[in-house]
Amino acid sequence: MTSRESTDPYYDLFEDWDLIVSSFLSQYGLRIRTKDFETVSWDEFKALIAGLSPETALGRVVAIRSETDKNVIKHFSRDQHRIYDAWQERGAKEMNQKTFEREMADLEHMLAAMCGGG
């Protein structure tokens, strides 16, 4: 695992970026796309994500994706089932090495630009 890879198996930094932005604003009052946020280190960024409440947009989606109780899943709404099923399907697909390397390079470029290094 690289130092910039998510260790949480229930969110994706690329696919869930809008949820991350929304969650940082609602919980911390932080706007990610500002000059002030450029000073946030990768370790601090990871800590902020890890500290997001289940009441944030990302927290609610992660709760749905990570549910294991079959009775709870059976009673999901249509939208909850869509979120849960899409995540399960995504996890079933293997990411090949070339795709992984490309996505990690894209992530590093995005974070470097966000933190003023790109």
N, C-alpha and C. Protein backbone atom coordinates (compact mmCIF):
# COMPACT_ATOMS: atom_id res chain seq x y z
N MET A 1 0.84 -1.19 0.00
CA MET A 1 0.00 0.00 0.00
C MET A 1 0.88 1.24 0.00
N THR A 2 0.53 2.22 -0.81
CA THR A 2 1.28 3.47 -0.84
C THR A 2 0.80 4.36 0.30
N SER A 3 1.55 5.40 0.59
CA SER A 3 1.20 6.28 1.70
C SER A 3 -0.06 7.09 1.42
N ARG A 4 -0.51 7.12 0.17
CA ARG A 4 -1.68 7.93 -0.17
C ARG A 4 -2.91 7.08 -0.49
N GLU A 5 -2.85 5.83 -0.19
CA GLU A 5 -3.96 4.94 -0.46
C GLU A 5 -4.90 4.93 0.75
N SER A 6 -6.19 4.91 0.49
CA SER A 6 -7.17 4.84 1.56
C SER A 6 -7.11 3.47 2.23
N THR A 7 -7.13 3.48 3.56
CA THR A 7 -7.16 2.22 4.28
C THR A 7 -8.59 1.83 4.63
N ASP A 8 -9.53 2.70 4.38
CA ASP A 8 -10.93 2.40 4.63
C ASP A 8 -11.52 1.77 3.38
N PRO A 9 -12.01 0.54 3.49
CA PRO A 9 -12.51 -0.13 2.29
C PRO A 9 -13.90 0.35 1.85
N TYR A 10 -14.47 1.35 2.51
CA TYR A 10 -15.84 1.75 2.20
C TYR A 10 -15.98 3.14 1.57
N TYR A 11 -14.86 3.75 1.21
CA TYR A 11 -14.94 4.99 0.43
C TYR A 11 -13.78 5.03 -0.54
N ASP A 12 -13.96 5.82 -1.58
CA ASP A 12 -12.95 5.97 -2.62
C ASP A 12 -12.68 7.46 -2.79
N LEU A 13 -11.42 7.86 -2.68
CA LEU A 13 -11.08 9.27 -2.75
C LEU A 13 -11.52 9.92 -4.06
N PHE A 14 -11.52 9.18 -5.14
CA PHE A 14 -11.95 9.73 -6.43
C PHE A 14 -13.46 9.78 -6.55
N GLU A 15 -14.08 8.62 -6.43
CA GLU A 15 -15.53 8.52 -6.63
C GLU A 15 -16.32 9.30 -5.58
N ASP A 16 -15.79 9.42 -4.39
CA ASP A 16 -16.52 10.05 -3.29
C ASP A 16 -16.03 11.46 -2.99
N TRP A 17 -15.28 12.06 -3.91
CA TRP A 17 -14.70 13.37 -3.64
C TRP A 17 -15.76 14.40 -3.26
N ASP A 18 -16.88 14.45 -3.97
CA ASP A 18 -17.93 15.43 -3.64
C ASP A 18 -18.48 15.19 -2.23
N LEU A 19 -18.61 13.92 -1.83
CA LEU A 19 -19.07 13.61 -0.47
C LEU A 19 -18.04 14.06 0.56
N ILE A 20 -16.76 13.91 0.24
CA ILE A 20 -15.70 14.35 1.15
C ILE A 20 -15.74 15.86 1.31
N VAL A 21 -15.84 16.58 0.18
CA VAL A 21 -15.91 18.04 0.22
C VAL A 21 -17.10 18.49 1.07
N SER A 22 -18.26 17.90 0.82
CA SER A 22 -19.47 18.25 1.57
C SER A 22 -19.32 17.93 3.06
N SER A 23 -18.74 16.80 3.36
CA SER A 23 -18.59 16.37 4.75
C SER A 23 -17.62 17.26 5.52
N PHE A 24 -16.52 17.66 4.88
CA PHE A 24 -15.56 18.56 5.53
C PHE A 24 -16.23 19.89 5.84
N LEU A 25 -17.04 20.38 4.91
CA LEU A 25 -17.71 21.66 5.13
C LEU A 25 -18.74 21.54 6.26
N SER A 26 -19.55 20.48 6.23
CA SER A 26 -20.61 20.37 7.24
C SER A 26 -20.06 20.08 8.63
N GLN A 27 -19.02 19.27 8.74
CA GLN A 27 -18.52 18.92 10.08
C GLN A 27 -17.48 19.91 10.60
N TYR A 28 -16.54 20.29 9.75
CA TYR A 28 -15.43 21.12 10.21
C TYR A 28 -15.52 22.58 9.78
N GLY A 29 -16.45 22.89 8.88
CA GLY A 29 -16.52 24.24 8.35
C GLY A 29 -15.34 24.55 7.43
N LEU A 30 -14.69 23.49 6.92
CA LEU A 30 -13.52 23.66 6.05
C LEU A 30 -13.91 23.53 4.59
N ARG A 31 -13.48 24.50 3.81
CA ARG A 31 -13.65 24.42 2.36
C ARG A 31 -12.34 23.91 1.78
N ILE A 32 -12.40 22.75 1.17
CA ILE A 32 -11.19 22.09 0.67
C ILE A 32 -10.54 22.86 -0.47
N ARG A 33 -11.32 23.50 -1.28
CA ARG A 33 -10.77 24.18 -2.46
C ARG A 33 -10.42 25.65 -2.18
N THR A 34 -9.76 25.89 -1.05
CA THR A 34 -9.36 27.25 -0.70
C THR A 34 -7.86 27.30 -0.45
N LYS A 35 -7.32 28.49 -0.45
CA LYS A 35 -5.89 28.71 -0.18
C LYS A 35 -5.53 28.20 1.22
N ASP A 36 -6.40 28.41 2.19
CA ASP A 36 -6.12 27.99 3.57
C ASP A 36 -5.91 26.49 3.67
N PHE A 37 -6.60 25.72 2.85
CA PHE A 37 -6.51 24.26 2.95
C PHE A 37 -5.20 23.73 2.38
N GLU A 38 -4.48 24.56 1.62
CA GLU A 38 -3.23 24.13 1.00
C GLU A 38 -2.18 23.72 2.03
N THR A 39 -2.29 24.19 3.26
CA THR A 39 -1.30 23.87 4.29
C THR A 39 -1.57 22.55 4.98
N VAL A 40 -2.70 21.91 4.68
CA VAL A 40 -3.05 20.64 5.32
C VAL A 40 -2.17 19.53 4.75
N SER A 41 -1.49 18.81 5.63
CA SER A 41 -0.64 17.70 5.18
C SER A 41 -1.49 16.48 4.86
N TRP A 42 -0.90 15.51 4.17
CA TRP A 42 -1.60 14.27 3.84
C TRP A 42 -2.03 13.55 5.11
N ASP A 43 -1.16 13.49 6.13
CA ASP A 43 -1.51 12.82 7.38
C ASP A 43 -2.68 13.50 8.08
N GLU A 44 -2.69 14.83 8.08
CA GLU A 44 -3.80 15.57 8.68
C GLU A 44 -5.08 15.34 7.89
N PHE A 45 -4.97 15.33 6.56
CA PHE A 45 -6.13 15.08 5.70
C PHE A 45 -6.73 13.71 6.02
N LYS A 46 -5.88 12.68 6.13
CA LYS A 46 -6.37 11.34 6.46
C LYS A 46 -7.04 11.32 7.83
N ALA A 47 -6.47 12.04 8.79
CA ALA A 47 -7.05 12.10 10.13
C ALA A 47 -8.42 12.78 10.10
N LEU A 48 -8.55 13.83 9.31
CA LEU A 48 -9.83 14.53 9.19
C LEU A 48 -10.89 13.61 8.57
N ILE A 49 -10.52 12.85 7.55
CA ILE A 49 -11.47 11.91 6.96
C ILE A 49 -11.87 10.85 7.98
N ALA A 50 -10.88 10.32 8.69
CA ALA A 50 -11.16 9.28 9.68
C ALA A 50 -12.09 9.78 10.79
N GLY A 51 -12.05 11.08 11.07
CA GLY A 51 -12.86 11.65 12.13
C GLY A 51 -14.25 12.10 11.70
N LEU A 52 -14.60 11.88 10.44
CA LEU A 52 -15.91 12.31 9.98
C LEU A 52 -17.03 11.54 10.68
N SER A 53 -18.03 12.24 11.07
CA SER A 53 -19.17 11.69 11.78
C SER A 53 -20.08 10.89 10.85
N PRO A 54 -20.80 9.92 11.40
CA PRO A 54 -21.79 9.19 10.61
C PRO A 54 -22.93 10.09 10.13
N GLU A 55 -23.01 11.29 10.67
CA GLU A 55 -24.06 12.24 10.27
C GLU A 55 -23.69 13.07 9.05
N THR A 56 -22.45 12.91 8.54
CA THR A 56 -22.05 13.65 7.34
C THR A 56 -22.49 12.86 6.10
N ALA A 57 -22.40 13.51 4.95
CA ALA A 57 -22.78 12.84 3.70
C ALA A 57 -21.95 11.57 3.48
N LEU A 58 -20.64 11.67 3.66
CA LEU A 58 -19.79 10.49 3.49
C LEU A 58 -20.08 9.45 4.56
N GLY A 59 -20.30 9.90 5.78
CA GLY A 59 -20.60 8.97 6.88
C GLY A 59 -21.85 8.15 6.63
N ARG A 60 -22.88 8.78 6.10
CA ARG A 60 -24.13 8.06 5.81
C ARG A 60 -23.92 7.03 4.71
N VAL A 61 -23.18 7.40 3.67
CA VAL A 61 -22.92 6.46 2.57
C VAL A 61 -22.05 5.30 3.05
N VAL A 62 -21.03 5.59 3.85
CA VAL A 62 -20.16 4.54 4.37
C VAL A 62 -20.97 3.58 5.25
N ALA A 63 -21.90 4.11 6.04
CA ALA A 63 -22.74 3.24 6.88
C ALA A 63 -23.56 2.27 6.03
N ILE A 64 -24.07 2.74 4.92
CA ILE A 64 -24.84 1.87 4.02
C ILE A 64 -23.92 0.83 3.39
N ARG A 65 -22.79 1.27 2.87
CA ARG A 65 -21.87 0.36 2.18
C ARG A 65 -21.31 -0.72 3.11
N SER A 66 -21.14 -0.39 4.38
CA SER A 66 -20.49 -1.32 5.30
C SER A 66 -21.47 -2.18 6.10
N GLU A 67 -22.75 -2.02 5.87
CA GLU A 67 -23.75 -2.79 6.61
C GLU A 67 -23.59 -4.29 6.34
N THR A 68 -23.67 -5.09 7.40
CA THR A 68 -23.54 -6.54 7.26
C THR A 68 -24.77 -7.30 7.77
N ASP A 69 -25.65 -6.61 8.46
CA ASP A 69 -26.85 -7.25 9.00
C ASP A 69 -27.86 -7.45 7.86
N LYS A 70 -28.11 -8.70 7.52
CA LYS A 70 -29.01 -9.02 6.40
C LYS A 70 -30.42 -8.48 6.63
N ASN A 71 -30.87 -8.45 7.86
CA ASN A 71 -32.20 -7.92 8.16
C ASN A 71 -32.26 -6.41 7.90
N VAL A 72 -31.22 -5.70 8.27
CA VAL A 72 -31.16 -4.26 8.01
C VAL A 72 -31.12 -4.02 6.50
N ILE A 73 -30.26 -4.78 5.81
CA ILE A 73 -30.13 -4.62 4.36
C ILE A 73 -31.47 -4.90 3.66
N LYS A 74 -32.19 -5.90 4.15
CA LYS A 74 -33.48 -6.27 3.56
C LYS A 74 -34.47 -5.10 3.63
N HIS A 75 -34.33 -4.26 4.63
CA HIS A 75 -35.26 -3.14 4.82
C HIS A 75 -34.71 -1.80 4.31
N PHE A 76 -33.62 -1.84 3.57
CA PHE A 76 -33.08 -0.62 2.96
C PHE A 76 -34.12 -0.03 2.00
N SER A 77 -34.08 1.29 1.87
CA SER A 77 -34.89 1.96 0.85
C SER A 77 -34.29 1.66 -0.53
N ARG A 78 -34.99 2.05 -1.56
CA ARG A 78 -34.50 1.85 -2.92
C ARG A 78 -33.14 2.52 -3.12
N ASP A 79 -32.99 3.76 -2.64
CA ASP A 79 -31.72 4.47 -2.78
C ASP A 79 -30.61 3.80 -1.98
N GLN A 80 -30.92 3.34 -0.77
CA GLN A 80 -29.92 2.64 0.02
C GLN A 80 -29.46 1.36 -0.67
N HIS A 81 -30.41 0.63 -1.25
CA HIS A 81 -30.05 -0.58 -1.99
C HIS A 81 -29.16 -0.24 -3.19
N ARG A 82 -29.46 0.85 -3.87
CA ARG A 82 -28.65 1.27 -5.02
C ARG A 82 -27.22 1.55 -4.58
N ILE A 83 -27.05 2.26 -3.47
CA ILE A 83 -25.72 2.58 -2.94
C ILE A 83 -25.00 1.30 -2.51
N TYR A 84 -25.68 0.46 -1.77
CA TYR A 84 -25.10 -0.78 -1.26
C TYR A 84 -24.71 -1.71 -2.40
N ASP A 85 -25.63 -1.93 -3.33
CA ASP A 85 -25.38 -2.85 -4.45
C ASP A 85 -24.25 -2.36 -5.35
N ALA A 86 -24.21 -1.06 -5.61
CA ALA A 86 -23.15 -0.51 -6.46
C ALA A 86 -21.78 -0.72 -5.81
N TRP A 87 -21.71 -0.55 -4.49
CA TRP A 87 -20.44 -0.73 -3.80
C TRP A 87 -20.02 -2.21 -3.78
N GLN A 88 -20.98 -3.08 -3.57
CA GLN A 88 -20.68 -4.51 -3.59
C GLN A 88 -20.19 -4.95 -4.96
N GLU A 89 -20.84 -4.44 -5.99
CA GLU A 89 -20.45 -4.78 -7.37
C GLU A 89 -19.05 -4.24 -7.67
N ARG A 90 -18.78 -3.03 -7.21
CA ARG A 90 -17.47 -2.42 -7.42
C ARG A 90 -16.38 -3.26 -6.76
N GLY A 91 -16.65 -3.73 -5.56
CA GLY A 91 -15.67 -4.53 -4.84
C GLY A 91 -15.41 -5.87 -5.49
N ALA A 92 -16.37 -6.36 -6.25
CA ALA A 92 -16.22 -7.66 -6.89
C ALA A 92 -15.29 -7.59 -8.10
N LYS A 93 -15.10 -6.40 -8.63
CA LYS A 93 -14.23 -6.24 -9.80
C LYS A 93 -12.78 -6.09 -9.33
N GLU A 94 -11.91 -6.79 -9.98
CA GLU A 94 -10.48 -6.68 -9.67
C GLU A 94 -9.89 -5.51 -10.44
N MET A 95 -9.10 -4.71 -9.76
CA MET A 95 -8.42 -3.61 -10.44
C MET A 95 -7.07 -4.14 -10.92
N ASN A 96 -6.82 -4.01 -12.20
CA ASN A 96 -5.53 -4.50 -12.69
C ASN A 96 -4.42 -3.53 -12.29
N GLN A 97 -3.19 -3.99 -12.35
CA GLN A 97 -2.04 -3.21 -11.89
C GLN A 97 -1.89 -1.89 -12.65
N LYS A 98 -2.13 -1.91 -13.94
CA LYS A 98 -1.99 -0.68 -14.74
C LYS A 98 -3.01 0.37 -14.30
N THR A 99 -4.24 -0.04 -14.09
CA THR A 99 -5.28 0.88 -13.64
C THR A 99 -4.94 1.44 -12.26
N PHE A 100 -4.48 0.55 -11.38
CA PHE A 100 -4.09 0.97 -10.03
C PHE A 100 -3.00 2.04 -10.10
N GLU A 101 -1.95 1.77 -10.88
CA GLU A 101 -0.84 2.71 -10.97
C GLU A 101 -1.29 4.05 -11.56
N ARG A 102 -2.16 4.01 -12.55
CA ARG A 102 -2.66 5.25 -13.16
C ARG A 102 -3.48 6.05 -12.15
N GLU A 103 -4.36 5.36 -11.42
CA GLU A 103 -5.20 6.06 -10.45
C GLU A 103 -4.36 6.64 -9.30
N MET A 104 -3.34 5.92 -8.87
CA MET A 104 -2.49 6.44 -7.80
C MET A 104 -1.70 7.66 -8.28
N ALA A 105 -1.23 7.62 -9.51
CA ALA A 105 -0.51 8.77 -10.07
C ALA A 105 -1.45 9.97 -10.17
N ASP A 106 -2.68 9.75 -10.59
CA ASP A 106 -3.67 10.83 -10.66
C ASP A 106 -3.95 11.41 -9.28
N LEU A 107 -4.07 10.54 -8.28
CA LEU A 107 -4.32 11.00 -6.91
C LEU A 107 -3.15 11.83 -6.40
N GLU A 108 -1.94 11.36 -6.62
CA GLU A 108 -0.77 12.11 -6.17
C GLU A 108 -0.71 13.48 -6.83
N HIS A 109 -1.02 13.54 -8.13
CA HIS A 109 -1.02 14.81 -8.84
C HIS A 109 -2.09 15.76 -8.28
N MET A 110 -3.29 15.21 -8.04
CA MET A 110 -4.38 16.02 -7.52
C MET A 110 -4.04 16.57 -6.14
N LEU A 111 -3.48 15.74 -5.27
CA LEU A 111 -3.15 16.18 -3.91
C LEU A 111 -1.99 17.17 -3.93
N ALA A 112 -1.02 16.96 -4.80
CA ALA A 112 0.10 17.90 -4.90
C ALA A 112 -0.42 19.27 -5.35
N ALA A 113 -1.33 19.27 -6.32
CA ALA A 113 -1.90 20.54 -6.79
C ALA A 113 -2.73 21.20 -5.70
N MET A 114 -3.49 20.39 -4.96
CA MET A 114 -4.34 20.91 -3.89
C MET A 114 -3.49 21.51 -2.77
N CYS A 115 -2.34 20.93 -2.52
CA CYS A 115 -1.47 21.39 -1.42
C CYS A 115 -0.41 22.35 -1.89
N GLY A 116 -0.55 22.88 -3.10
CA GLY A 116 0.35 23.90 -3.60
C GLY A 116 1.66 23.37 -4.17
N GLY A 117 1.76 22.06 -4.38
CA GLY A 117 3.00 21.50 -4.90
C GLY A 117 2.94 21.16 -6.37
N GLY A 118 1.86 21.48 -7.06
CA GLY A 118 1.72 21.05 -8.45
C GLY A 118 1.38 22.13 -9.32
